[in-house]
Amino acid sequence: MLSRVCLFIALAVAACVPAAGQVADETAVPRISLADLKKAVDAKQVLVVDVRDAFWYAEGHIPGAVNIPLEEIQAKVSTLKGGKKAIVTYCA
């Protein structure tokens, strides 16, 4: 599963998403490697958010990831921005 994970910095997604699930320019969304993600998770520097629906989250997810489906991200941006950690979202 991890080899197929695409990762996004949530705040960049929030800034680029005019409506939930739409990114105007995917090249504008910062990416992070799995190795860098692992380091950040181990150092407790990031909040990992799985943006898939609840069914796929239940089927398997990155340990410690929280589930906020992509269609709900826009409504939760202010809550996510209030945290002290960087936010990484992913879908697989």
PDB file of N, CA and C in Angstrom:
ATOM      1  N   MET A   1       0.817  -1.182   0.000  1.00  0.00           N
ATOM      2  CA  MET A   1       0.000   0.000   0.000  1.00  0.00           C
ATOM      3  C   MET A   1       0.867   1.255   0.000  1.00  0.00           C
ATOM      4  N   LEU A   2       1.923   1.286   0.820  1.00  0.00           N
ATOM      5  CA  LEU A   2       2.724   2.499   0.940  1.00  0.00           C
ATOM      6  C   LEU A   2       3.402   2.879  -0.357  1.00  0.00           C
ATOM      7  N   SER A   3       3.728   1.887  -1.208  1.00  0.00           N
ATOM      8  CA  SER A   3       4.386   2.238  -2.465  1.00  0.00           C
ATOM      9  C   SER A   3       3.449   2.987  -3.392  1.00  0.00           C
ATOM     10  N   ARG A   4       2.132   2.871  -3.192  1.00  0.00           N
ATOM     11  CA  ARG A   4       1.153   3.541  -4.045  1.00  0.00           C
ATOM     12  C   ARG A   4       0.603   4.813  -3.420  1.00  0.00           C
ATOM     13  N   VAL A   5       1.090   5.158  -2.259  1.00  0.00           N
ATOM     14  CA  VAL A   5       0.547   6.319  -1.551  1.00  0.00           C
ATOM     15  C   VAL A   5       0.997   7.605  -2.242  1.00  0.00           C
ATOM     16  N   CYS A   6       0.050   8.460  -2.526  1.00  0.00           N
ATOM     17  CA  CYS A   6       0.408   9.809  -2.995  1.00  0.00           C
ATOM     18  C   CYS A   6       0.163  10.753  -1.840  1.00  0.00           C
ATOM     19  N   LEU A   7       1.123  11.608  -1.602  1.00  0.00           N
ATOM     20  CA  LEU A   7       1.087  12.451  -0.415  1.00  0.00           C
ATOM     21  C   LEU A   7       0.992  13.922  -0.788  1.00  0.00           C
ATOM     22  N   PHE A   8       0.279  14.661   0.003  1.00  0.00           N
ATOM     23  CA  PHE A   8       0.091  16.083  -0.233  1.00  0.00           C
ATOM     24  C   PHE A   8       0.184  16.829   1.091  1.00  0.00           C
ATOM     25  N   ILE A   9       0.704  18.013   1.054  1.00  0.00           N
ATOM     26  CA  ILE A   9       0.653  18.862   2.237  1.00  0.00           C
ATOM     27  C   ILE A   9      -0.740  19.482   2.272  1.00  0.00           C
ATOM     28  N   ALA A  10      -1.485  19.228   3.338  1.00  0.00           N
ATOM     29  CA  ALA A  10      -2.901  19.610   3.391  1.00  0.00           C
ATOM     30  C   ALA A  10      -3.120  21.106   3.273  1.00  0.00           C
ATOM     31  N   LEU A  11      -2.278  21.884   3.857  1.00  0.00           N
ATOM     32  CA  LEU A  11      -2.487  23.319   3.768  1.00  0.00           C
ATOM     33  C   LEU A  11      -2.352  23.800   2.333  1.00  0.00           C
ATOM     34  N   ALA A  12      -1.460  23.214   1.585  1.00  0.00           N
ATOM     35  CA  ALA A  12      -1.333  23.569   0.167  1.00  0.00           C
ATOM     36  C   ALA A  12      -2.567  23.115  -0.589  1.00  0.00           C
ATOM     37  N   VAL A  13      -3.069  21.940  -0.252  1.00  0.00           N
ATOM     38  CA  VAL A  13      -4.292  21.451  -0.883  1.00  0.00           C
ATOM     39  C   VAL A  13      -5.433  22.402  -0.574  1.00  0.00           C
ATOM     40  N   ALA A  14      -5.545  22.832   0.676  1.00  0.00           N
ATOM     41  CA  ALA A  14      -6.630  23.729   1.057  1.00  0.00           C
ATOM     42  C   ALA A  14      -6.544  25.045   0.282  1.00  0.00           C
ATOM     43  N   ALA A  15      -5.343  25.505   0.054  1.00  0.00           N
ATOM     44  CA  ALA A  15      -5.178  26.755  -0.672  1.00  0.00           C
ATOM     45  C   ALA A  15      -5.482  26.600  -2.157  1.00  0.00           C
ATOM     46  N   CYS A  16      -5.269  25.406  -2.686  1.00  0.00           N
ATOM     47  CA  CYS A  16      -5.447  25.165  -4.119  1.00  0.00           C
ATOM     48  C   CYS A  16      -6.804  24.596  -4.474  1.00  0.00           C
ATOM     49  N   VAL A  17      -7.568  24.152  -3.499  1.00  0.00           N
ATOM     50  CA  VAL A  17      -8.821  23.466  -3.768  1.00  0.00           C
ATOM     51  C   VAL A  17      -9.972  24.460  -3.777  1.00  0.00           C
ATOM     52  N   PRO A  18     -10.484  24.802  -4.965  1.00  0.00           N
ATOM     53  CA  PRO A  18     -11.614  25.711  -5.003  1.00  0.00           C
ATOM     54  C   PRO A  18     -12.891  25.060  -4.494  1.00  0.00           C
ATOM     55  N   ALA A  19     -13.038  23.782  -4.716  1.00  0.00           N
ATOM     56  CA  ALA A  19     -14.157  22.992  -4.194  1.00  0.00           C
ATOM     57  C   ALA A  19     -13.572  21.641  -3.833  1.00  0.00           C
ATOM     58  N   ALA A  20     -14.113  21.014  -2.821  1.00  0.00           N
ATOM     59  CA  ALA A  20     -13.561  19.744  -2.351  1.00  0.00           C
ATOM     60  C   ALA A  20     -13.353  18.783  -3.507  1.00  0.00           C
ATOM     61  N   GLY A  21     -12.148  18.194  -3.558  1.00  0.00           N
ATOM     62  CA  GLY A  21     -11.853  17.204  -4.569  1.00  0.00           C
ATOM     63  C   GLY A  21     -11.312  17.773  -5.864  1.00  0.00           C
ATOM     64  N   GLN A  22     -11.158  19.084  -5.987  1.00  0.00           N
ATOM     65  CA  GLN A  22     -10.670  19.683  -7.218  1.00  0.00           C
ATOM     66  C   GLN A  22      -9.389  20.457  -6.942  1.00  0.00           C
ATOM     67  N   VAL A  23      -8.352  20.145  -7.686  1.00  0.00           N
ATOM     68  CA  VAL A  23      -7.096  20.857  -7.587  1.00  0.00           C
ATOM     69  C   VAL A  23      -6.856  21.511  -8.937  1.00  0.00           C
ATOM     70  N   ALA A  24      -6.730  22.819  -8.947  1.00  0.00           N
ATOM     71  CA  ALA A  24      -6.565  23.554 -10.196  1.00  0.00           C
ATOM     72  C   ALA A  24      -5.280  23.154 -10.912  1.00  0.00           C
ATOM     73  N   ASP A  25      -4.181  22.995 -10.181  1.00  0.00           N
ATOM     74  CA  ASP A  25      -2.896  22.672 -10.776  1.00  0.00           C
ATOM     75  C   ASP A  25      -2.162  21.720  -9.838  1.00  0.00           C
ATOM     76  N   GLU A  26      -2.161  20.446 -10.179  1.00  0.00           N
ATOM     77  CA  GLU A  26      -1.537  19.452  -9.296  1.00  0.00           C
ATOM     78  C   GLU A  26      -0.046  19.687  -9.108  1.00  0.00           C
ATOM     79  N   THR A  27       0.625  20.343 -10.064  1.00  0.00           N
ATOM     80  CA  THR A  27       2.053  20.606  -9.910  1.00  0.00           C
ATOM     81  C   THR A  27       2.313  21.624  -8.805  1.00  0.00           C
ATOM     82  N   ALA A  28       1.297  22.364  -8.391  1.00  0.00           N
ATOM     83  CA  ALA A  28       1.442  23.348  -7.323  1.00  0.00           C
ATOM     84  C   ALA A  28       1.338  22.712  -5.938  1.00  0.00           C
ATOM     85  N   VAL A  29       0.972  21.445  -5.868  1.00  0.00           N
ATOM     86  CA  VAL A  29       0.814  20.759  -4.589  1.00  0.00           C
ATOM     87  C   VAL A  29       2.147  20.127  -4.196  1.00  0.00           C
ATOM     88  N   PRO A  30       2.740  20.573  -3.083  1.00  0.00           N
ATOM     89  CA  PRO A  30       4.018  19.987  -2.641  1.00  0.00           C
ATOM     90  C   PRO A  30       3.872  18.497  -2.368  1.00  0.00           C
ATOM     91  N   ARG A  31       4.902  17.752  -2.654  1.00  0.00           N
ATOM     92  CA  ARG A  31       4.940  16.309  -2.414  1.00  0.00           C
ATOM     93  C   ARG A  31       6.035  16.009  -1.390  1.00  0.00           C
ATOM     94  N   ILE A  32       5.893  14.875  -0.713  1.00  0.00           N
ATOM     95  CA  ILE A  32       6.890  14.436   0.265  1.00  0.00           C
ATOM     96  C   ILE A  32       7.163  12.962   0.002  1.00  0.00           C
ATOM     97  N   SER A  33       8.414  12.554   0.121  1.00  0.00           N
ATOM     98  CA  SER A  33       8.767  11.152  -0.107  1.00  0.00           C
ATOM     99  C   SER A  33       8.333  10.312   1.094  1.00  0.00           C
ATOM    100  N   LEU A  34       8.220   9.019   0.876  1.00  0.00           N
ATOM    101  CA  LEU A  34       7.863   8.118   1.980  1.00  0.00           C
ATOM    102  C   LEU A  34       8.932   8.132   3.065  1.00  0.00           C
ATOM    103  N   ALA A  35      10.202   8.220   2.666  1.00  0.00           N
ATOM    104  CA  ALA A  35      11.285   8.260   3.653  1.00  0.00           C
ATOM    105  C   ALA A  35      11.172   9.510   4.525  1.00  0.00           C
ATOM    106  N   ASP A  36      10.905  10.664   3.888  1.00  0.00           N
ATOM    107  CA  ASP A  36      10.753  11.898   4.655  1.00  0.00           C
ATOM    108  C   ASP A  36       9.502  11.867   5.530  1.00  0.00           C
ATOM    109  N   LEU A  37       8.439  11.249   5.026  1.00  0.00           N
ATOM    110  CA  LEU A  37       7.224  11.110   5.832  1.00  0.00           C
ATOM    111  C   LEU A  37       7.508  10.268   7.067  1.00  0.00           C
ATOM    112  N   LYS A  38       8.188   9.157   6.886  1.00  0.00           N
ATOM    113  CA  LYS A  38       8.495   8.285   8.022  1.00  0.00           C
ATOM    114  C   LYS A  38       9.303   9.039   9.072  1.00  0.00           C
ATOM    115  N   LYS A  39      10.300   9.792   8.638  1.00  0.00           N
ATOM    116  CA  LYS A  39      11.107  10.577   9.581  1.00  0.00           C
ATOM    117  C   LYS A  39      10.233  11.577  10.336  1.00  0.00           C
ATOM    118  N   ALA A  40       9.358  12.274   9.616  1.00  0.00           N
ATOM    119  CA  ALA A  40       8.501  13.276  10.240  1.00  0.00           C
ATOM    120  C   ALA A  40       7.510  12.640  11.206  1.00  0.00           C
ATOM    121  N   VAL A  41       6.957  11.483  10.838  1.00  0.00           N
ATOM    122  CA  VAL A  41       6.031  10.770  11.726  1.00  0.00           C
ATOM    123  C   VAL A  41       6.765  10.307  12.979  1.00  0.00           C
ATOM    124  N   ASP A  42       7.947   9.719  12.790  1.00  0.00           N
ATOM    125  CA  ASP A  42       8.728   9.245  13.936  1.00  0.00           C
ATOM    126  C   ASP A  42       9.095  10.382  14.887  1.00  0.00           C
ATOM    127  N   ALA A  43       9.314  11.576  14.337  1.00  0.00           N
ATOM    128  CA  ALA A  43       9.664  12.744  15.145  1.00  0.00           C
ATOM    129  C   ALA A  43       8.423  13.483  15.656  1.00  0.00           C
ATOM    130  N   LYS A  44       7.247  12.941  15.331  1.00  0.00           N
ATOM    131  CA  LYS A  44       5.966  13.540  15.742  1.00  0.00           C
ATOM    132  C   LYS A  44       5.834  14.992  15.272  1.00  0.00           C
ATOM    133  N   GLN A  45       6.284  15.239  14.030  1.00  0.00           N
ATOM    134  CA  GLN A  45       6.241  16.580  13.462  1.00  0.00           C
ATOM    135  C   GLN A  45       5.046  16.800  12.550  1.00  0.00           C
ATOM    136  N   VAL A  46       4.306  15.740  12.218  1.00  0.00           N
ATOM    137  CA  VAL A  46       3.206  15.866  11.260  1.00  0.00           C
ATOM    138  C   VAL A  46       1.947  15.170  11.755  1.00  0.00           C
ATOM    139  N   LEU A  47       0.830  15.653  11.248  1.00  0.00           N
ATOM    140  CA  LEU A  47      -0.448  14.977  11.400  1.00  0.00           C
ATOM    141  C   LEU A  47      -0.740  14.346  10.043  1.00  0.00           C
ATOM    142  N   VAL A  48      -0.944  13.042  10.017  1.00  0.00           N
ATOM    143  CA  VAL A  48      -1.211  12.336   8.773  1.00  0.00           C
ATOM    144  C   VAL A  48      -2.716  12.155   8.629  1.00  0.00           C
ATOM    145  N   VAL A  49      -3.258  12.610   7.490  1.00  0.00           N
ATOM    146  CA  VAL A  49      -4.694  12.559   7.230  1.00  0.00           C
ATOM    147  C   VAL A  49      -4.944  11.711   5.986  1.00  0.00           C
ATOM    148  N   ASP A  50      -5.723  10.652   6.156  1.00  0.00           N
ATOM    149  CA  ASP A  50      -6.149   9.796   5.049  1.00  0.00           C
ATOM    150  C   ASP A  50      -7.425  10.405   4.479  1.00  0.00           C
ATOM    151  N   VAL A  51      -7.402  10.805   3.203  1.00  0.00           N
ATOM    152  CA  VAL A  51      -8.546  11.500   2.622  1.00  0.00           C
ATOM    153  C   VAL A  51      -9.496  10.572   1.859  1.00  0.00           C
ATOM    154  N   ARG A  52      -9.301   9.272   2.002  1.00  0.00           N
ATOM    155  CA  ARG A  52     -10.217   8.329   1.353  1.00  0.00           C
ATOM    156  C   ARG A  52     -11.484   8.199   2.180  1.00  0.00           C
ATOM    157  N   ASP A  53     -12.506   7.559   1.604  1.00  0.00           N
ATOM    158  CA  ASP A  53     -13.745   7.380   2.364  1.00  0.00           C
ATOM    159  C   ASP A  53     -13.530   6.359   3.479  1.00  0.00           C
ATOM    160  N   ALA A  54     -14.487   6.291   4.391  1.00  0.00           N
ATOM    161  CA  ALA A  54     -14.362   5.457   5.589  1.00  0.00           C
ATOM    162  C   ALA A  54     -14.173   3.983   5.264  1.00  0.00           C
ATOM    163  N   PHE A  55     -14.795   3.495   4.192  1.00  0.00           N
ATOM    164  CA  PHE A  55     -14.644   2.088   3.815  1.00  0.00           C
ATOM    165  C   PHE A  55     -13.180   1.763   3.542  1.00  0.00           C
ATOM    166  N   TRP A  56     -12.532   2.581   2.688  1.00  0.00           N
ATOM    167  CA  TRP A  56     -11.145   2.297   2.321  1.00  0.00           C
ATOM    168  C   TRP A  56     -10.201   2.546   3.488  1.00  0.00           C
ATOM    169  N   TYR A  57     -10.501   3.510   4.321  1.00  0.00           N
ATOM    170  CA  TYR A  57      -9.704   3.737   5.532  1.00  0.00           C
ATOM    171  C   TYR A  57      -9.740   2.494   6.421  1.00  0.00           C
ATOM    172  N   ALA A  58     -10.930   1.934   6.594  1.00  0.00           N
ATOM    173  CA  ALA A  58     -11.090   0.737   7.421  1.00  0.00           C
ATOM    174  C   ALA A  58     -10.363  -0.464   6.827  1.00  0.00           C
ATOM    175  N   GLU A  59     -10.231  -0.494   5.503  1.00  0.00           N
ATOM    176  CA  GLU A  59      -9.534  -1.598   4.837  1.00  0.00           C
ATOM    177  C   GLU A  59      -8.030  -1.584   5.119  1.00  0.00           C
ATOM    178  N   GLY A  60      -7.509  -0.435   5.483  1.00  0.00           N
ATOM    179  CA  GLY A  60      -6.090  -0.310   5.797  1.00  0.00           C
ATOM    180  C   GLY A  60      -5.626   1.116   5.624  1.00  0.00           C
ATOM    181  N   HIS A  61      -4.785   1.571   6.540  1.00  0.00           N
ATOM    182  CA  HIS A  61      -4.284   2.944   6.498  1.00  0.00           C
ATOM    183  C   HIS A  61      -2.937   3.016   7.194  1.00  0.00           C
ATOM    184  N   ILE A  62      -2.262   4.125   7.021  1.00  0.00           N
ATOM    185  CA  ILE A  62      -0.992   4.353   7.698  1.00  0.00           C
ATOM    186  C   ILE A  62      -1.274   4.438   9.196  1.00  0.00           C
ATOM    187  N   PRO A  63      -0.543   3.683  10.007  1.00  0.00           N
ATOM    188  CA  PRO A  63      -0.779   3.723  11.455  1.00  0.00           C
ATOM    189  C   PRO A  63      -0.703   5.160  11.987  1.00  0.00           C
ATOM    190  N   GLY A  64      -1.696   5.520  12.779  1.00  0.00           N
ATOM    191  CA  GLY A  64      -1.763   6.849  13.372  1.00  0.00           C
ATOM    192  C   GLY A  64      -2.471   7.885  12.515  1.00  0.00           C
ATOM    193  N   ALA A  65      -2.781   7.545  11.260  1.00  0.00           N
ATOM    194  CA  ALA A  65      -3.467   8.490  10.388  1.00  0.00           C
ATOM    195  C   ALA A  65      -4.909   8.663  10.840  1.00  0.00           C
ATOM    196  N   VAL A  66      -5.417   9.891  10.693  1.00  0.00           N
ATOM    197  CA  VAL A  66      -6.827  10.158  10.955  1.00  0.00           C
ATOM    198  C   VAL A  66      -7.556  10.184   9.619  1.00  0.00           C
ATOM    199  N   ASN A  67      -8.834   9.868   9.641  1.00  0.00           N
ATOM    200  CA  ASN A  67      -9.620   9.815   8.409  1.00  0.00           C
ATOM    201  C   ASN A  67     -10.512  11.042   8.293  1.00  0.00           C
ATOM    202  N   ILE A  68     -10.237  11.846   7.271  1.00  0.00           N
ATOM    203  CA  ILE A  68     -11.110  12.959   6.897  1.00  0.00           C
ATOM    204  C   ILE A  68     -11.281  12.850   5.393  1.00  0.00           C
ATOM    205  N   PRO A  69     -12.414  12.316   4.936  1.00  0.00           N
ATOM    206  CA  PRO A  69     -12.622  12.168   3.491  1.00  0.00           C
ATOM    207  C   PRO A  69     -12.418  13.487   2.750  1.00  0.00           C
ATOM    208  N   LEU A  70     -11.898  13.394   1.540  1.00  0.00           N
ATOM    209  CA  LEU A  70     -11.563  14.573   0.754  1.00  0.00           C
ATOM    210  C   LEU A  70     -12.710  15.563   0.661  1.00  0.00           C
ATOM    211  N   GLU A  71     -13.937  15.059   0.514  1.00  0.00           N
ATOM    212  CA  GLU A  71     -15.077  15.972   0.399  1.00  0.00           C
ATOM    213  C   GLU A  71     -15.350  16.743   1.684  1.00  0.00           C
ATOM    214  N   GLU A  72     -14.724  16.351   2.801  1.00  0.00           N
ATOM    215  CA  GLU A  72     -14.904  17.050   4.077  1.00  0.00           C
ATOM    216  C   GLU A  72     -13.730  17.961   4.433  1.00  0.00           C
ATOM    217  N   ILE A  73     -12.642  17.880   3.682  1.00  0.00           N
ATOM    218  CA  ILE A  73     -11.433  18.651   3.999  1.00  0.00           C
ATOM    219  C   ILE A  73     -11.722  20.146   4.052  1.00  0.00           C
ATOM    220  N   GLN A  74     -12.411  20.655   3.048  1.00  0.00           N
ATOM    221  CA  GLN A  74     -12.671  22.094   2.986  1.00  0.00           C
ATOM    222  C   GLN A  74     -13.362  22.590   4.253  1.00  0.00           C
ATOM    223  N   ALA A  75     -14.312  21.808   4.760  1.00  0.00           N
ATOM    224  CA  ALA A  75     -15.050  22.204   5.959  1.00  0.00           C
ATOM    225  C   ALA A  75     -14.186  22.130   7.224  1.00  0.00           C
ATOM    226  N   LYS A  76     -13.108  21.369   7.185  1.00  0.00           N
ATOM    227  CA  LYS A  76     -12.281  21.177   8.373  1.00  0.00           C
ATOM    228  C   LYS A  76     -10.943  21.896   8.302  1.00  0.00           C
ATOM    229  N   VAL A  77     -10.731  22.682   7.265  1.00  0.00           N
ATOM    230  CA  VAL A  77      -9.454  23.366   7.088  1.00  0.00           C
ATOM    231  C   VAL A  77      -9.100  24.221   8.295  1.00  0.00           C
ATOM    232  N   SER A  78     -10.030  24.983   8.814  1.00  0.00           N
ATOM    233  CA  SER A  78      -9.705  25.872   9.939  1.00  0.00           C
ATOM    234  C   SER A  78      -9.262  25.072  11.164  1.00  0.00           C
ATOM    235  N   THR A  79      -9.885  23.945  11.404  1.00  0.00           N
ATOM    236  CA  THR A  79      -9.498  23.078  12.516  1.00  0.00           C
ATOM    237  C   THR A  79      -8.100  22.523  12.286  1.00  0.00           C
ATOM    238  N   LEU A  80      -7.838  22.074  11.067  1.00  0.00           N
ATOM    239  CA  LEU A  80      -6.528  21.507  10.748  1.00  0.00           C
ATOM    240  C   LEU A  80      -5.428  22.560  10.838  1.00  0.00           C
ATOM    241  N   LYS A  81      -5.704  23.770  10.373  1.00  0.00           N
ATOM    242  CA  LYS A  81      -4.714  24.846  10.422  1.00  0.00           C
ATOM    243  C   LYS A  81      -4.391  25.263  11.854  1.00  0.00           C
ATOM    244  N   GLY A  82      -5.301  25.006  12.796  1.00  0.00           N
ATOM    245  CA  GLY A  82      -5.103  25.409  14.178  1.00  0.00           C
ATOM    246  C   GLY A  82      -4.063  24.589  14.921  1.00  0.00           C
ATOM    247  N   GLY A  83      -3.677  23.441  14.374  1.00  0.00           N
ATOM    248  CA  GLY A  83      -2.682  22.593  15.027  1.00  0.00           C
ATOM    249  C   GLY A  83      -1.275  23.139  14.862  1.00  0.00           C
ATOM    250  N   LYS A  84      -0.364  22.627  15.652  1.00  0.00           N
ATOM    251  CA  LYS A  84       1.019  23.089  15.612  1.00  0.00           C
ATOM    252  C   LYS A  84       1.891  22.259  14.674  1.00  0.00           C
ATOM    253  N   LYS A  85       1.337  21.173  14.117  1.00  0.00           N
ATOM    254  CA  LYS A  85       2.112  20.283  13.261  1.00  0.00           C
ATOM    255  C   LYS A  85       1.794  20.529  11.798  1.00  0.00           C
ATOM    256  N   ALA A  86       2.763  20.183  10.960  1.00  0.00           N
ATOM    257  CA  ALA A  86       2.498  20.171   9.521  1.00  0.00           C
ATOM    258  C   ALA A  86       1.491  19.067   9.258  1.00  0.00           C
ATOM    259  N   ILE A  87       0.723  19.215   8.217  1.00  0.00           N
ATOM    260  CA  ILE A  87      -0.326  18.239   7.892  1.00  0.00           C
ATOM    261  C   ILE A  87      -0.004  17.597   6.554  1.00  0.00           C
ATOM    262  N   VAL A  88      -0.021  16.279   6.533  1.00  0.00           N
ATOM    263  CA  VAL A  88       0.206  15.529   5.311  1.00  0.00           C
ATOM    264  C   VAL A  88      -1.053  14.728   5.024  1.00  0.00           C
ATOM    265  N   THR A  89      -1.600  14.897   3.833  1.00  0.00           N
ATOM    266  CA  THR A  89      -2.753  14.105   3.437  1.00  0.00           C
ATOM    267  C   THR A  89      -2.312  13.074   2.421  1.00  0.00           C
ATOM    268  N   TYR A  90      -3.034  11.962   2.355  1.00  0.00           N
ATOM    269  CA  TYR A  90      -2.704  10.950   1.349  1.00  0.00           C
ATOM    270  C   TYR A  90      -3.939  10.211   0.898  1.00  0.00           C
ATOM    271  N   CYS A  91      -3.816   9.623  -0.268  1.00  0.00           N
ATOM    272  CA  CYS A  91      -4.826   8.717  -0.810  1.00  0.00           C
ATOM    273  C   CYS A  91      -4.069   7.556  -1.439  1.00  0.00           C
ATOM    274  N   ALA A  92      -4.665   6.427  -1.523  1.00  0.00           N
ATOM    275  CA  ALA A  92      -3.952   5.280  -2.109  1.00  0.00           C
ATOM    276  C   ALA A  92      -4.857   4.549  -3.062  1.00  0.00           C
TER     277      ALA A  92
END
